[in-house]
Amino acid sequence: MPPTQIIFYRDEQGRVPLLDWLDSLPDKARLKCLARLQRLEVLGHELRRPEADFLRDGIYELRASFQGIHYRMLYFFHKTQAIVVSHGIQKEREVPATEIKRAIERKHQFEGAPEKHTFTGGR
């Protein structure tokens, strides 16, 4: 199976929430999250628990842990060839409903204007 394209969501102001979040993490936690993104790229729809899980309304969570802290990256599939990563959070028990709602809103924005909301590199 060929790798699935990973796209980072870009907001209206040109910010990339996932990259901002990754930059805020300790180095080892960031590396764990990046390793999970690589697994998602390779396995796509085939990635399952405990590494990934479906939340609702087309939103999935990509899971990583480091030193007892749970990191989650929320993503959705765009057509069959791409995965769009909305943003990341630290969580305790469940992903807060507000974060899922934020990912759903970003999914709708992306679907309405994919080119506008695709991060193409360079910061």
PDB file of N, CA and C in Angstrom:
ATOM      1  N   MET A   1       0.840  -1.172   0.000  1.00  0.00           N
ATOM      2  CA  MET A   1       0.000   0.000   0.000  1.00  0.00           C
ATOM      3  C   MET A   1       0.891   1.244   0.000  1.00  0.00           C
ATOM      4  N   PRO A   2       0.655   2.194  -0.913  1.00  0.00           N
ATOM      5  CA  PRO A   2       1.471   3.419  -0.945  1.00  0.00           C
ATOM      6  C   PRO A   2       1.155   4.292   0.264  1.00  0.00           C
ATOM      7  N   PRO A   3       2.115   5.127   0.674  1.00  0.00           N
ATOM      8  CA  PRO A   3       1.859   6.005   1.821  1.00  0.00           C
ATOM      9  C   PRO A   3       0.697   6.957   1.536  1.00  0.00           C
ATOM     10  N   THR A   4      -0.004   7.317   2.582  1.00  0.00           N
ATOM     11  CA  THR A   4      -1.098   8.271   2.484  1.00  0.00           C
ATOM     12  C   THR A   4      -0.534   9.666   2.712  1.00  0.00           C
ATOM     13  N   GLN A   5      -0.951  10.622   1.922  1.00  0.00           N
ATOM     14  CA  GLN A   5      -0.466  11.989   2.080  1.00  0.00           C
ATOM     15  C   GLN A   5      -0.990  12.586   3.384  1.00  0.00           C
ATOM     16  N   ILE A   6      -0.084  13.173   4.162  1.00  0.00           N
ATOM     17  CA  ILE A   6      -0.455  13.878   5.387  1.00  0.00           C
ATOM     18  C   ILE A   6      -0.444  15.376   5.085  1.00  0.00           C
ATOM     19  N   ILE A   7      -1.540  16.035   5.385  1.00  0.00           N
ATOM     20  CA  ILE A   7      -1.673  17.478   5.183  1.00  0.00           C
ATOM     21  C   ILE A   7      -1.891  18.124   6.545  1.00  0.00           C
ATOM     22  N   PHE A   8      -1.196  19.221   6.799  1.00  0.00           N
ATOM     23  CA  PHE A   8      -1.432  19.986   8.017  1.00  0.00           C
ATOM     24  C   PHE A   8      -2.399  21.117   7.689  1.00  0.00           C
ATOM     25  N   TYR A   9      -3.437  21.221   8.485  1.00  0.00           N
ATOM     26  CA  TYR A   9      -4.451  22.262   8.315  1.00  0.00           C
ATOM     27  C   TYR A   9      -3.841  23.642   8.576  1.00  0.00           C
ATOM     28  N   ARG A  10      -4.194  24.609   7.719  1.00  0.00           N
ATOM     29  CA  ARG A  10      -3.777  26.005   7.886  1.00  0.00           C
ATOM     30  C   ARG A  10      -5.034  26.847   8.082  1.00  0.00           C
ATOM     31  N   ASP A  11      -5.019  27.713   9.099  1.00  0.00           N
ATOM     32  CA  ASP A  11      -6.215  28.514   9.376  1.00  0.00           C
ATOM     33  C   ASP A  11      -6.271  29.774   8.515  1.00  0.00           C
ATOM     34  N   GLU A  12      -7.287  30.585   8.745  1.00  0.00           N
ATOM     35  CA  GLU A  12      -7.523  31.798   7.949  1.00  0.00           C
ATOM     36  C   GLU A  12      -6.364  32.789   8.028  1.00  0.00           C
ATOM     37  N   GLN A  13      -5.655  32.802   9.155  1.00  0.00           N
ATOM     38  CA  GLN A  13      -4.537  33.726   9.342  1.00  0.00           C
ATOM     39  C   GLN A  13      -3.208  33.146   8.862  1.00  0.00           C
ATOM     40  N   GLY A  14      -3.238  31.945   8.308  1.00  0.00           N
ATOM     41  CA  GLY A  14      -2.021  31.312   7.819  1.00  0.00           C
ATOM     42  C   GLY A  14      -1.271  30.517   8.872  1.00  0.00           C
ATOM     43  N   ARG A  15      -1.817  30.439  10.077  1.00  0.00           N
ATOM     44  CA  ARG A  15      -1.179  29.650  11.142  1.00  0.00           C
ATOM     45  C   ARG A  15      -1.471  28.169  10.931  1.00  0.00           C
ATOM     46  N   VAL A  16      -0.553  27.342  11.421  1.00  0.00           N
ATOM     47  CA  VAL A  16      -0.708  25.892  11.333  1.00  0.00           C
ATOM     48  C   VAL A  16      -0.783  25.374  12.770  1.00  0.00           C
ATOM     49  N   PRO A  17      -2.006  25.168  13.285  1.00  0.00           N
ATOM     50  CA  PRO A  17      -2.167  24.828  14.697  1.00  0.00           C
ATOM     51  C   PRO A  17      -1.358  23.613  15.146  1.00  0.00           C
ATOM     52  N   LEU A  18      -1.276  22.580  14.319  1.00  0.00           N
ATOM     53  CA  LEU A  18      -0.529  21.396  14.732  1.00  0.00           C
ATOM     54  C   LEU A  18       0.953  21.715  14.903  1.00  0.00           C
ATOM     55  N   LEU A  19       1.533  22.458  13.984  1.00  0.00           N
ATOM     56  CA  LEU A  19       2.958  22.780  14.096  1.00  0.00           C
ATOM     57  C   LEU A  19       3.228  23.675  15.301  1.00  0.00           C
ATOM     58  N   ASP A  20       2.338  24.625  15.560  1.00  0.00           N
ATOM     59  CA  ASP A  20       2.492  25.468  16.748  1.00  0.00           C
ATOM     60  C   ASP A  20       2.462  24.609  18.010  1.00  0.00           C
ATOM     61  N   TRP A  21       1.546  23.655  18.057  1.00  0.00           N
ATOM     62  CA  TRP A  21       1.420  22.768  19.209  1.00  0.00           C
ATOM     63  C   TRP A  21       2.655  21.882  19.347  1.00  0.00           C
ATOM     64  N   LEU A  22       3.103  21.285  18.245  1.00  0.00           N
ATOM     65  CA  LEU A  22       4.303  20.440  18.301  1.00  0.00           C
ATOM     66  C   LEU A  22       5.511  21.229  18.794  1.00  0.00           C
ATOM     67  N   ASP A  23       5.638  22.468  18.344  1.00  0.00           N
ATOM     68  CA  ASP A  23       6.758  23.311  18.775  1.00  0.00           C
ATOM     69  C   ASP A  23       6.736  23.570  20.278  1.00  0.00           C
ATOM     70  N   SER A  24       5.567  23.500  20.892  1.00  0.00           N
ATOM     71  CA  SER A  24       5.442  23.780  22.323  1.00  0.00           C
ATOM     72  C   SER A  24       5.762  22.570  23.200  1.00  0.00           C
ATOM     73  N   LEU A  25       5.900  21.395  22.599  1.00  0.00           N
ATOM     74  CA  LEU A  25       6.109  20.167  23.371  1.00  0.00           C
ATOM     75  C   LEU A  25       7.579  19.964  23.721  1.00  0.00           C
ATOM     76  N   PRO A  26       7.835  19.216  24.804  1.00  0.00           N
ATOM     77  CA  PRO A  26       9.213  18.797  25.081  1.00  0.00           C
ATOM     78  C   PRO A  26       9.731  17.949  23.915  1.00  0.00           C
ATOM     79  N   ASP A  27      11.034  17.970  23.695  1.00  0.00           N
ATOM     80  CA  ASP A  27      11.625  17.284  22.538  1.00  0.00           C
ATOM     81  C   ASP A  27      11.197  15.831  22.410  1.00  0.00           C
ATOM     82  N   LYS A  28      11.269  15.063  23.489  1.00  0.00           N
ATOM     83  CA  LYS A  28      10.947  13.634  23.397  1.00  0.00           C
ATOM     84  C   LYS A  28       9.463  13.403  23.116  1.00  0.00           C
ATOM     85  N   ALA A  29       8.613  14.229  23.664  1.00  0.00           N
ATOM     86  CA  ALA A  29       7.176  14.114  23.380  1.00  0.00           C
ATOM     87  C   ALA A  29       6.910  14.452  21.918  1.00  0.00           C
ATOM     88  N   ARG A  30       7.572  15.495  21.409  1.00  0.00           N
ATOM     89  CA  ARG A  30       7.415  15.875  19.997  1.00  0.00           C
ATOM     90  C   ARG A  30       7.851  14.726  19.092  1.00  0.00           C
ATOM     91  N   LEU A  31       8.972  14.082  19.428  1.00  0.00           N
ATOM     92  CA  LEU A  31       9.453  12.957  18.618  1.00  0.00           C
ATOM     93  C   LEU A  31       8.459  11.804  18.625  1.00  0.00           C
ATOM     94  N   LYS A  32       7.837  11.539  19.773  1.00  0.00           N
ATOM     95  CA  LYS A  32       6.818  10.481  19.840  1.00  0.00           C
ATOM     96  C   LYS A  32       5.634  10.817  18.926  1.00  0.00           C
ATOM     97  N   CYS A  33       5.211  12.071  18.953  1.00  0.00           N
ATOM     98  CA  CYS A  33       4.088  12.491  18.107  1.00  0.00           C
ATOM     99  C   CYS A  33       4.452  12.402  16.628  1.00  0.00           C
ATOM    100  N   LEU A  34       5.661  12.805  16.284  1.00  0.00           N
ATOM    101  CA  LEU A  34       6.102  12.718  14.884  1.00  0.00           C
ATOM    102  C   LEU A  34       6.181  11.267  14.423  1.00  0.00           C
ATOM    103  N   ALA A  35       6.607  10.375  15.315  1.00  0.00           N
ATOM    104  CA  ALA A  35       6.653   8.946  14.973  1.00  0.00           C
ATOM    105  C   ALA A  35       5.245   8.417  14.700  1.00  0.00           C
ATOM    106  N   ARG A  36       4.257   8.873  15.484  1.00  0.00           N
ATOM    107  CA  ARG A  36       2.875   8.459  15.247  1.00  0.00           C
ATOM    108  C   ARG A  36       2.377   8.971  13.895  1.00  0.00           C
ATOM    109  N   LEU A  37       2.740  10.203  13.551  1.00  0.00           N
ATOM    110  CA  LEU A  37       2.343  10.739  12.245  1.00  0.00           C
ATOM    111  C   LEU A  37       2.938   9.906  11.112  1.00  0.00           C
ATOM    112  N   GLN A  38       4.165   9.439  11.284  1.00  0.00           N
ATOM    113  CA  GLN A  38       4.782   8.584  10.260  1.00  0.00           C
ATOM    114  C   GLN A  38       4.028   7.265  10.134  1.00  0.00           C
ATOM    115  N   ARG A  39       3.612   6.691  11.270  1.00  0.00           N
ATOM    116  CA  ARG A  39       2.833   5.443  11.222  1.00  0.00           C
ATOM    117  C   ARG A  39       1.499   5.679  10.514  1.00  0.00           C
ATOM    118  N   LEU A  40       0.882   6.812  10.774  1.00  0.00           N
ATOM    119  CA  LEU A  40      -0.379   7.146  10.113  1.00  0.00           C
ATOM    120  C   LEU A  40      -0.171   7.285   8.611  1.00  0.00           C
ATOM    121  N   GLU A  41       0.927   7.903   8.224  1.00  0.00           N
ATOM    122  CA  GLU A  41       1.240   8.062   6.802  1.00  0.00           C
ATOM    123  C   GLU A  41       1.386   6.704   6.122  1.00  0.00           C
ATOM    124  N   VAL A  42       2.038   5.772   6.789  1.00  0.00           N
ATOM    125  CA  VAL A  42       2.281   4.444   6.214  1.00  0.00           C
ATOM    126  C   VAL A  42       1.011   3.593   6.211  1.00  0.00           C
ATOM    127  N   LEU A  43       0.265   3.608   7.309  1.00  0.00           N
ATOM    128  CA  LEU A  43      -0.871   2.698   7.446  1.00  0.00           C
ATOM    129  C   LEU A  43      -2.222   3.309   7.066  1.00  0.00           C
ATOM    130  N   GLY A  44      -2.337   4.632   7.086  1.00  0.00           N
ATOM    131  CA  GLY A  44      -3.593   5.277   6.702  1.00  0.00           C
ATOM    132  C   GLY A  44      -4.796   4.727   7.444  1.00  0.00           C
ATOM    133  N   HIS A  45      -5.821   4.329   6.695  1.00  0.00           N
ATOM    134  CA  HIS A  45      -7.064   3.802   7.278  1.00  0.00           C
ATOM    135  C   HIS A  45      -6.838   2.547   8.111  1.00  0.00           C
ATOM    136  N   GLU A  46      -5.725   1.870   7.915  1.00  0.00           N
ATOM    137  CA  GLU A  46      -5.470   0.616   8.622  1.00  0.00           C
ATOM    138  C   GLU A  46      -4.970   0.815  10.051  1.00  0.00           C
ATOM    139  N   LEU A  47      -4.563   2.020  10.414  1.00  0.00           N
ATOM    140  CA  LEU A  47      -4.051   2.269  11.762  1.00  0.00           C
ATOM    141  C   LEU A  47      -5.199   2.189  12.762  1.00  0.00           C
ATOM    142  N   ARG A  48      -5.019   1.385  13.787  1.00  0.00           N
ATOM    143  CA  ARG A  48      -6.083   1.117  14.766  1.00  0.00           C
ATOM    144  C   ARG A  48      -5.602   1.367  16.193  1.00  0.00           C
ATOM    145  N   ARG A  49      -6.511   1.096  17.143  1.00  0.00           N
ATOM    146  CA  ARG A  49      -6.175   1.177  18.564  1.00  0.00           C
ATOM    147  C   ARG A  49      -5.019   0.242  18.855  1.00  0.00           C
ATOM    148  N   PRO A  50      -4.127   0.616  19.711  1.00  0.00           N
ATOM    149  CA  PRO A  50      -4.161   1.762  20.615  1.00  0.00           C
ATOM    150  C   PRO A  50      -3.559   3.040  20.019  1.00  0.00           C
ATOM    151  N   GLU A  51      -3.112   3.001  18.769  1.00  0.00           N
ATOM    152  CA  GLU A  51      -2.444   4.168  18.181  1.00  0.00           C
ATOM    153  C   GLU A  51      -3.415   5.221  17.658  1.00  0.00           C
ATOM    154  N   ALA A  52      -4.583   4.799  17.217  1.00  0.00           N
ATOM    155  CA  ALA A  52      -5.567   5.723  16.650  1.00  0.00           C
ATOM    156  C   ALA A  52      -6.961   5.220  16.992  1.00  0.00           C
ATOM    157  N   ASP A  53      -7.919   6.133  16.990  1.00  0.00           N
ATOM    158  CA  ASP A  53      -9.292   5.733  17.268  1.00  0.00           C
ATOM    159  C   ASP A  53     -10.254   6.739  16.640  1.00  0.00           C
ATOM    160  N   PHE A  54     -11.432   6.247  16.264  1.00  0.00           N
ATOM    161  CA  PHE A  54     -12.492   7.098  15.730  1.00  0.00           C
ATOM    162  C   PHE A  54     -13.187   7.799  16.892  1.00  0.00           C
ATOM    163  N   LEU A  55     -13.431   9.103  16.751  1.00  0.00           N
ATOM    164  CA  LEU A  55     -14.151   9.847  17.783  1.00  0.00           C
ATOM    165  C   LEU A  55     -15.611  10.013  17.377  1.00  0.00           C
ATOM    166  N   ARG A  56     -15.869  10.848  16.365  1.00  0.00           N
ATOM    167  CA  ARG A  56     -17.231  11.018  15.826  1.00  0.00           C
ATOM    168  C   ARG A  56     -17.190  11.963  14.640  1.00  0.00           C
ATOM    169  N   ASP A  57     -18.230  11.917  13.833  1.00  0.00           N
ATOM    170  CA  ASP A  57     -18.415  12.851  12.715  1.00  0.00           C
ATOM    171  C   ASP A  57     -17.194  12.944  11.807  1.00  0.00           C
ATOM    172  N   GLY A  58     -16.550  11.808  11.556  1.00  0.00           N
ATOM    173  CA  GLY A  58     -15.402  11.785  10.655  1.00  0.00           C
ATOM    174  C   GLY A  58     -14.088  12.209  11.289  1.00  0.00           C
ATOM    175  N   ILE A  59     -14.076  12.444  12.594  1.00  0.00           N
ATOM    176  CA  ILE A  59     -12.869  12.879  13.296  1.00  0.00           C
ATOM    177  C   ILE A  59     -12.253  11.689  14.032  1.00  0.00           C
ATOM    178  N   TYR A  60     -10.936  11.578  13.893  1.00  0.00           N
ATOM    179  CA  TYR A  60     -10.161  10.528  14.546  1.00  0.00           C
ATOM    180  C   TYR A  60      -9.120  11.166  15.454  1.00  0.00           C
ATOM    181  N   GLU A  61      -8.618  10.372  16.402  1.00  0.00           N
ATOM    182  CA  GLU A  61      -7.515  10.834  17.228  1.00  0.00           C
ATOM    183  C   GLU A  61      -6.312   9.932  17.005  1.00  0.00           C
ATOM    184  N   LEU A  62      -5.154  10.542  16.909  1.00  0.00           N
ATOM    185  CA  LEU A  62      -3.878   9.845  16.828  1.00  0.00           C
ATOM    186  C   LEU A  62      -3.256   9.976  18.205  1.00  0.00           C
ATOM    187  N   ARG A  63      -2.868   8.851  18.812  1.00  0.00           N
ATOM    188  CA  ARG A  63      -2.478   8.834  20.216  1.00  0.00           C
ATOM    189  C   ARG A  63      -0.979   8.635  20.405  1.00  0.00           C
ATOM    190  N   ALA A  64      -0.435   9.383  21.352  1.00  0.00           N
ATOM    191  CA  ALA A  64       0.948   9.195  21.790  1.00  0.00           C
ATOM    192  C   ALA A  64       0.990   9.512  23.280  1.00  0.00           C
ATOM    193  N   SER A  65       1.900   8.868  23.994  1.00  0.00           N
ATOM    194  CA  SER A  65       2.070   9.129  25.423  1.00  0.00           C
ATOM    195  C   SER A  65       3.546   9.252  25.734  1.00  0.00           C
ATOM    196  N   PHE A  66       3.841  10.096  26.718  1.00  0.00           N
ATOM    197  CA  PHE A  66       5.218  10.245  27.181  1.00  0.00           C
ATOM    198  C   PHE A  66       5.180  10.706  28.627  1.00  0.00           C
ATOM    199  N   GLN A  67       5.844   9.962  29.485  1.00  0.00           N
ATOM    200  CA  GLN A  67       5.930  10.257  30.914  1.00  0.00           C
ATOM    201  C   GLN A  67       4.556  10.520  31.532  1.00  0.00           C
ATOM    202  N   GLY A  68       3.602   9.664  31.206  1.00  0.00           N
ATOM    203  CA  GLY A  68       2.274   9.744  31.795  1.00  0.00           C
ATOM    204  C   GLY A  68       1.366  10.816  31.218  1.00  0.00           C
ATOM    205  N   ILE A  69       1.844  11.549  30.242  1.00  0.00           N
ATOM    206  CA  ILE A  69       1.016  12.579  29.606  1.00  0.00           C
ATOM    207  C   ILE A  69       0.516  12.029  28.274  1.00  0.00           C
ATOM    208  N   HIS A  70      -0.774  12.184  28.031  1.00  0.00           N
ATOM    209  CA  HIS A  70      -1.390  11.689  26.803  1.00  0.00           C
ATOM    210  C   HIS A  70      -1.513  12.829  25.802  1.00  0.00           C
ATOM    211  N   TYR A  71      -0.956  12.620  24.633  1.00  0.00           N
ATOM    212  CA  TYR A  71      -1.001  13.605  23.553  1.00  0.00           C
ATOM    213  C   TYR A  71      -1.928  13.074  22.470  1.00  0.00           C
ATOM    214  N   ARG A  72      -2.746  13.957  21.916  1.00  0.00           N
ATOM    215  CA  ARG A  72      -3.682  13.562  20.875  1.00  0.00           C
ATOM    216  C   ARG A  72      -3.603  14.546  19.719  1.00  0.00           C
ATOM    217  N   MET A  73      -3.598  13.997  18.514  1.00  0.00           N
ATOM    218  CA  MET A  73      -3.664  14.807  17.304  1.00  0.00           C
ATOM    219  C   MET A  73      -4.966  14.440  16.606  1.00  0.00           C
ATOM    220  N   LEU A  74      -5.805  15.415  16.349  1.00  0.00           N
ATOM    221  CA  LEU A  74      -7.095  15.161  15.728  1.00  0.00           C
ATOM    222  C   LEU A  74      -6.972  15.310  14.219  1.00  0.00           C
ATOM    223  N   TYR A  75      -7.561  14.356  13.506  1.00  0.00           N
ATOM    224  CA  TYR A  75      -7.428  14.343  12.048  1.00  0.00           C
ATOM    225  C   TYR A  75      -8.687  13.806  11.398  1.00  0.00           C
ATOM    226  N   PHE A  76      -8.748  13.985  10.077  1.00  0.00           N
ATOM    227  CA  PHE A  76      -9.850  13.454   9.282  1.00  0.00           C
ATOM    228  C   PHE A  76      -9.302  13.074   7.917  1.00  0.00           C
ATOM    229  N   PHE A  77     -10.052  12.246   7.223  1.00  0.00           N
ATOM    230  CA  PHE A  77      -9.662  11.820   5.884  1.00  0.00           C
ATOM    231  C   PHE A  77     -10.311  12.742   4.863  1.00  0.00           C
ATOM    232  N   HIS A  78      -9.543  13.096   3.838  1.00  0.00           N
ATOM    233  CA  HIS A  78     -10.060  13.907   2.737  1.00  0.00           C
ATOM    234  C   HIS A  78      -9.997  13.054   1.481  1.00  0.00           C
ATOM    235  N   LYS A  79     -11.158  12.728   0.964  1.00  0.00           N
ATOM    236  CA  LYS A  79     -11.269  11.806  -0.166  1.00  0.00           C
ATOM    237  C   LYS A  79     -10.586  10.500   0.235  1.00  0.00           C
ATOM    238  N   THR A  80      -9.862   9.874  -0.660  1.00  0.00           N
ATOM    239  CA  THR A  80      -9.218   8.611  -0.286  1.00  0.00           C
ATOM    240  C   THR A  80      -7.710   8.718  -0.208  1.00  0.00           C
ATOM    241  N   GLN A  81      -7.152   9.834  -0.633  1.00  0.00           N
ATOM    242  CA  GLN A  81      -5.704   9.926  -0.731  1.00  0.00           C
ATOM    243  C   GLN A  81      -5.038  10.728   0.376  1.00  0.00           C
ATOM    244  N   ALA A  82      -5.765  11.437   1.208  1.00  0.00           N
ATOM    245  CA  ALA A  82      -5.104  12.357   2.135  1.00  0.00           C
ATOM    246  C   ALA A  82      -5.706  12.300   3.534  1.00  0.00           C
ATOM    247  N   ILE A  83      -4.854  12.604   4.488  1.00  0.00           N
ATOM    248  CA  ILE A  83      -5.248  12.750   5.880  1.00  0.00           C
ATOM    249  C   ILE A  83      -4.916  14.184   6.266  1.00  0.00           C
ATOM    250  N   VAL A  84      -5.884  14.894   6.816  1.00  0.00           N
ATOM    251  CA  VAL A  84      -5.668  16.277   7.230  1.00  0.00           C
ATOM    252  C   VAL A  84      -5.624  16.312   8.753  1.00  0.00           C
ATOM    253  N   VAL A  85      -4.498  16.773   9.300  1.00  0.00           N
ATOM    254  CA  VAL A  85      -4.344  16.854  10.747  1.00  0.00           C
ATOM    255  C   VAL A  85      -4.742  18.260  11.183  1.00  0.00           C
ATOM    256  N   SER A  86      -5.780  18.333  11.994  1.00  0.00           N
ATOM    257  CA  SER A  86      -6.346  19.606  12.428  1.00  0.00           C
ATOM    258  C   SER A  86      -5.491  20.290  13.487  1.00  0.00           C
ATOM    259  N   HIS A  87      -5.272  19.605  14.608  1.00  0.00           N
ATOM    260  CA  HIS A  87      -4.532  20.199  15.717  1.00  0.00           C
ATOM    261  C   HIS A  87      -4.204  19.130  16.747  1.00  0.00           C
ATOM    262  N   GLY A  88      -3.464  19.515  17.770  1.00  0.00           N
ATOM    263  CA  GLY A  88      -3.085  18.589  18.824  1.00  0.00           C
ATOM    264  C   GLY A  88      -3.466  19.129  20.187  1.00  0.00           C
ATOM    265  N   ILE A  89      -3.620  18.197  21.146  1.00  0.00           N
ATOM    266  CA  ILE A  89      -3.954  18.566  22.520  1.00  0.00           C
ATOM    267  C   ILE A  89      -3.277  17.604  23.483  1.00  0.00           C
ATOM    268  N   GLN A  90      -3.213  18.014  24.742  1.00  0.00           N
ATOM    269  CA  GLN A  90      -2.873  17.104  25.824  1.00  0.00           C
ATOM    270  C   GLN A  90      -4.187  16.796  26.512  1.00  0.00           C
ATOM    271  N   LYS A  91      -4.352  15.551  26.952  1.00  0.00           N
ATOM    272  CA  LYS A  91      -5.636  15.222  27.561  1.00  0.00           C
ATOM    273  C   LYS A  91      -5.461  14.358  28.787  1.00  0.00           C
ATOM    274  N   GLU A  92      -6.520  14.278  29.571  1.00  0.00           N
ATOM    275  CA  GLU A  92      -6.502  13.443  30.750  1.00  0.00           C
ATOM    276  C   GLU A  92      -7.288  12.161  30.500  1.00  0.00           C
ATOM    277  N   ARG A  93      -8.602  12.241  30.421  1.00  0.00           N
ATOM    278  CA  ARG A  93      -9.392  11.033  30.238  1.00  0.00           C
ATOM    279  C   ARG A  93      -9.989  10.949  28.840  1.00  0.00           C
ATOM    280  N   GLU A  94     -10.778  11.927  28.474  1.00  0.00           N
ATOM    281  CA  GLU A  94     -11.436  11.937  27.167  1.00  0.00           C
ATOM    282  C   GLU A  94     -11.041  13.190  26.404  1.00  0.00           C
ATOM    283  N   VAL A  95     -11.150  13.104  25.098  1.00  0.00           N
ATOM    284  CA  VAL A  95     -10.941  14.303  24.285  1.00  0.00           C
ATOM    285  C   VAL A  95     -12.143  15.215  24.532  1.00  0.00           C
ATOM    286  N   PRO A  96     -11.916  16.452  24.965  1.00  0.00           N
ATOM    287  CA  PRO A  96     -13.040  17.357  25.237  1.00  0.00           C
ATOM    288  C   PRO A  96     -13.906  17.583  23.994  1.00  0.00           C
ATOM    289  N   ALA A  97     -15.205  17.677  24.221  1.00  0.00           N
ATOM    290  CA  ALA A  97     -16.148  17.896  23.119  1.00  0.00           C
ATOM    291  C   ALA A  97     -15.813  19.171  22.348  1.00  0.00           C
ATOM    292  N   THR A  98     -15.294  20.194  23.034  1.00  0.00           N
ATOM    293  CA  THR A  98     -14.946  21.446  22.351  1.00  0.00           C
ATOM    294  C   THR A  98     -13.828  21.231  21.336  1.00  0.00           C
ATOM    295  N   GLU A  99     -12.900  20.325  21.637  1.00  0.00           N
ATOM    296  CA  GLU A  99     -11.802  20.045  20.707  1.00  0.00           C
ATOM    297  C   GLU A  99     -12.300  19.258  19.499  1.00  0.00           C
ATOM    298  N   ILE A 100     -13.234  18.343  19.723  1.00  0.00           N
ATOM    299  CA  ILE A 100     -13.821  17.597  18.606  1.00  0.00           C
ATOM    300  C   ILE A 100     -14.599  18.563  17.714  1.00  0.00           C
ATOM    301  N   LYS A 101     -15.353  19.467  18.344  1.00  0.00           N
ATOM    302  CA  LYS A 101     -16.116  20.461  17.578  1.00  0.00           C
ATOM    303  C   LYS A 101     -15.174  21.328  16.748  1.00  0.00           C
ATOM    304  N   ARG A 102     -14.044  21.729  17.327  1.00  0.00           N
ATOM    305  CA  ARG A 102     -13.061  22.535  16.592  1.00  0.00           C
ATOM    306  C   ARG A 102     -12.562  21.758  15.369  1.00  0.00           C
ATOM    307  N   ALA A 103     -12.275  20.472  15.537  1.00  0.00           N
ATOM    308  CA  ALA A 103     -11.803  19.654  14.415  1.00  0.00           C
ATOM    309  C   ALA A 103     -12.881  19.522  13.343  1.00  0.00           C
ATOM    310  N   ILE A 104     -14.142  19.375  13.757  1.00  0.00           N
ATOM    311  CA  ILE A 104     -15.245  19.279  12.795  1.00  0.00           C
ATOM    312  C   ILE A 104     -15.368  20.582  12.005  1.00  0.00           C
ATOM    313  N   GLU A 105     -15.266  21.718  12.690  1.00  0.00           N
ATOM    314  CA  GLU A 105     -15.329  23.014  12.000  1.00  0.00           C
ATOM    315  C   GLU A 105     -14.193  23.139  10.985  1.00  0.00           C
ATOM    316  N   ARG A 106     -13.005  22.712  11.372  1.00  0.00           N
ATOM    317  CA  ARG A 106     -11.862  22.784  10.460  1.00  0.00           C
ATOM    318  C   ARG A 106     -12.041  21.829   9.288  1.00  0.00           C
ATOM    319  N   LYS A 107     -12.666  20.699   9.538  1.00  0.00           N
ATOM    320  CA  LYS A 107     -12.949  19.745   8.460  1.00  0.00           C
ATOM    321  C   LYS A 107     -13.862  20.404   7.420  1.00  0.00           C
ATOM    322  N   HIS A 108     -14.918  21.072   7.894  1.00  0.00           N
ATOM    323  CA  HIS A 108     -15.841  21.751   6.974  1.00  0.00           C
ATOM    324  C   HIS A 108     -15.138  22.874   6.214  1.00  0.00           C
ATOM    325  N   GLN A 109     -14.302  23.638   6.909  1.00  0.00           N
ATOM    326  CA  GLN A 109     -13.552  24.709   6.245  1.00  0.00           C
ATOM    327  C   GLN A 109     -12.637  24.126   5.172  1.00  0.00           C
ATOM    328  N   PHE A 110     -11.945  23.043   5.520  1.00  0.00           N
ATOM    329  CA  PHE A 110     -11.019  22.422   4.575  1.00  0.00           C
ATOM    330  C   PHE A 110     -11.764  21.902   3.354  1.00  0.00           C
ATOM    331  N   GLU A 111     -12.874  21.220   3.581  1.00  0.00           N
ATOM    332  CA  GLU A 111     -13.641  20.664   2.467  1.00  0.00           C
ATOM    333  C   GLU A 111     -14.163  21.761   1.543  1.00  0.00           C
ATOM    334  N   GLY A 112     -14.451  22.941   2.096  1.00  0.00           N
ATOM    335  CA  GLY A 112     -14.937  24.056   1.291  1.00  0.00           C
ATOM    336  C   GLY A 112     -13.851  24.738   0.474  1.00  0.00           C
ATOM    337  N   ALA A 113     -12.620  24.697   0.959  1.00  0.00           N
ATOM    338  CA  ALA A 113     -11.507  25.375   0.270  1.00  0.00           C
ATOM    339  C   ALA A 113     -10.190  24.671   0.603  1.00  0.00           C
ATOM    340  N   PRO A 114      -9.975  23.467   0.035  1.00  0.00           N
ATOM    341  CA  PRO A 114      -8.779  22.695   0.393  1.00  0.00           C
ATOM    342  C   PRO A 114      -7.466  23.436   0.147  1.00  0.00           C
ATOM    343  N   GLU A 115      -7.366  24.151  -0.961  1.00  0.00           N
ATOM    344  CA  GLU A 115      -6.101  24.831  -1.276  1.00  0.00           C
ATOM    345  C   GLU A 115      -5.788  25.900  -0.236  1.00  0.00           C
ATOM    346  N   LYS A 116      -6.807  26.619   0.178  1.00  0.00           N
ATOM    347  CA  LYS A 116      -6.640  27.706   1.146  1.00  0.00           C
ATOM    348  C   LYS A 116      -6.185  27.185   2.507  1.00  0.00           C
ATOM    349  N   HIS A 117      -6.623  25.977   2.867  1.00  0.00           N
ATOM    350  CA  HIS A 117      -6.358  25.447   4.202  1.00  0.00           C
ATOM    351  C   HIS A 117      -5.291  24.353   4.217  1.00  0.00           C
ATOM    352  N   THR A 118      -4.506  24.257   3.164  1.00  0.00           N
ATOM    353  CA  THR A 118      -3.413  23.283   3.105  1.00  0.00           C
ATOM    354  C   THR A 118      -2.089  23.990   3.362  1.00  0.00           C
ATOM    355  N   PHE A 119      -1.376  23.531   4.369  1.00  0.00           N
ATOM    356  CA  PHE A 119      -0.040  24.062   4.648  1.00  0.00           C
ATOM    357  C   PHE A 119       0.924  23.446   3.644  1.00  0.00           C
ATOM    358  N   THR A 120       1.685  24.294   2.961  1.00  0.00           N
ATOM    359  CA  THR A 120       2.585  23.803   1.913  1.00  0.00           C
ATOM    360  C   THR A 120       4.052  23.898   2.293  1.00  0.00           C
ATOM    361  N   GLY A 121       4.351  24.196   3.532  1.00  0.00           N
ATOM    362  CA  GLY A 121       5.747  24.251   3.982  1.00  0.00           C
ATOM    363  C   GLY A 121       6.232  25.676   4.149  1.00  0.00           C
ATOM    364  N   GLY A 122       7.315  25.790   4.874  1.00  0.00           N
ATOM    365  CA  GLY A 122       7.882  27.111   5.145  1.00  0.00           C
ATOM    366  C   GLY A 122       7.109  27.824   6.229  1.00  0.00           C
ATOM    367  N   ARG A 123       7.844  28.394   7.172  1.00  0.00           N
ATOM    368  CA  ARG A 123       7.157  29.069   8.289  1.00  0.00           C
ATOM    369  C   ARG A 123       7.628  30.480   8.415  1.00  0.00           C
TER     370      ARG A 123
END
